[in-house]
Structure formats: C-alpha cells, structure tokens
Protein backbone atom coordinates (compact mmCIF):
# COMPACT_ATOMS: atom_id res chain seq x y z
CA MET A 1 23.17 14.65 61.31
CA LYS A 2 25.56 17.44 58.79
CA GLU A 3 24.36 20.09 60.40
CA LEU A 4 25.26 19.45 63.83
CA LEU A 5 28.70 18.48 62.54
CA THR A 6 29.13 21.91 61.51
CA THR A 7 27.90 23.28 64.23
CA ILE A 8 30.80 22.25 66.61
CA ALA A 9 32.97 22.55 64.58
CA ALA A 10 32.26 26.09 63.83
CA GLY A 11 32.52 26.84 68.12
CA LEU A 12 35.28 25.43 67.71
CA VAL A 13 37.66 27.34 64.88
CA GLU A 14 39.07 31.02 64.31
CA ASP A 15 37.41 31.00 60.63
CA PRO A 16 33.87 28.91 60.71
CA THR A 17 33.49 30.19 57.12
CA ALA A 18 36.10 27.23 56.44
CA VAL A 19 34.51 24.07 57.94
CA ASN A 20 32.61 21.94 54.98
CA VAL A 21 31.48 18.77 56.01
CA THR A 22 30.96 16.25 52.83
CA VAL A 23 28.73 13.37 53.76
CA ASP A 24 29.91 9.84 52.02
CA GLU A 25 26.72 7.02 50.58
CA PRO A 26 26.47 4.32 53.39
CA ASN A 27 28.81 1.73 52.96
CA GLU A 28 28.40 -2.32 52.57
CA GLU A 29 28.33 -2.51 56.00
CA GLY A 30 25.43 0.46 56.61
CA ILE A 31 28.38 3.05 57.81
CA THR A 32 27.77 7.07 56.53
CA VAL A 33 31.20 8.95 56.66
CA TYR A 34 31.09 12.04 57.11
CA HIS A 35 34.53 13.90 56.27
CA LEU A 36 35.21 17.55 58.23
CA HIS A 37 37.25 20.11 56.51
CA VAL A 38 38.94 22.65 58.60
CA ALA A 39 41.16 25.44 58.34
CA GLU A 40 44.90 24.97 57.56
CA ASN A 41 45.83 26.65 60.80
CA ASP A 42 42.43 25.45 62.51
CA MET A 43 43.22 21.29 62.50
CA GLY A 44 44.60 21.40 66.08
CA ARG A 45 41.92 23.18 68.24
CA VAL A 46 39.08 20.26 65.83
CA ILE A 47 41.89 17.52 66.61
CA GLY A 48 42.96 18.63 70.46
CA LYS A 49 45.66 17.80 72.94
CA GLU A 50 46.27 14.10 72.07
CA GLY A 51 43.78 13.13 70.08
CA ARG A 52 40.49 14.34 72.65
CA ILE A 53 38.66 17.26 71.09
CA ALA A 54 38.00 14.71 67.79
CA LYS A 55 37.55 12.21 70.08
CA ALA A 56 34.83 13.75 71.65
CA ILE A 57 33.47 14.57 68.60
CA ARG A 58 33.37 11.10 67.48
CA THR A 59 31.52 10.34 70.24
CA VAL A 60 28.55 12.95 70.17
CA MET A 61 27.98 12.41 66.99
CA ARG A 62 28.10 8.38 67.44
CA ALA A 63 25.50 9.02 69.74
CA ALA A 64 23.10 11.51 67.67
CA ALA A 65 22.82 8.59 65.35
CA VAL A 66 22.36 5.77 67.81
CA ARG A 67 19.04 8.17 68.61
CA LYS A 68 18.50 8.01 64.56
CA GLU A 69 18.88 4.63 64.18
CA GLN A 70 22.57 5.00 61.84
CA LYS A 71 25.89 4.29 62.19
CA VAL A 72 28.19 6.99 61.27
CA ALA A 73 32.26 8.30 60.94
CA VAL A 74 34.11 10.96 61.34
CA GLU A 75 37.32 11.46 59.34
CA ILE A 76 39.41 14.82 59.93
CA ASP A 77 41.23 16.08 56.70
C-alpha cells in the first residue's frame, strides 16, 4: 500500500525525490493512516483543483485496501 501511494504521488509531482510516505499503526477502529509528504511547491499538484486529485488518490487507496481487507485513510501533509 505504501508503494502504491508513493508511485501515484511521484507521477504527479515535479520533484519525485521529495515524496515521502509514513504509516501509522492501525487505530482502535482498524484504520491505518498514511501520511503523504511532498515538496511545498508540489502541494497544489497533489491536491488539485477543489481537491479532486486528492479525492481520487484516496479513492484508489481505499479500493486497493478493500482487496487486502484493510481500512485506510490518506492525509496529505
């Protein structure tokens, strides 16, 4: 899952070396939170107009998590 998020984000940004993903342990509800960190000037590319790209990234991650019987959340920092 971490590799999937890294690959998606690296394809969107100008500086793919600045893409960093950290993972929190599952909370009491079983949700694993992935924190996506990108360069400051690439933040707009990852979020997109009105958050459309961020929403699409979250949708893809949730779909992949369902296949692995997991619950995930993506936070863009």
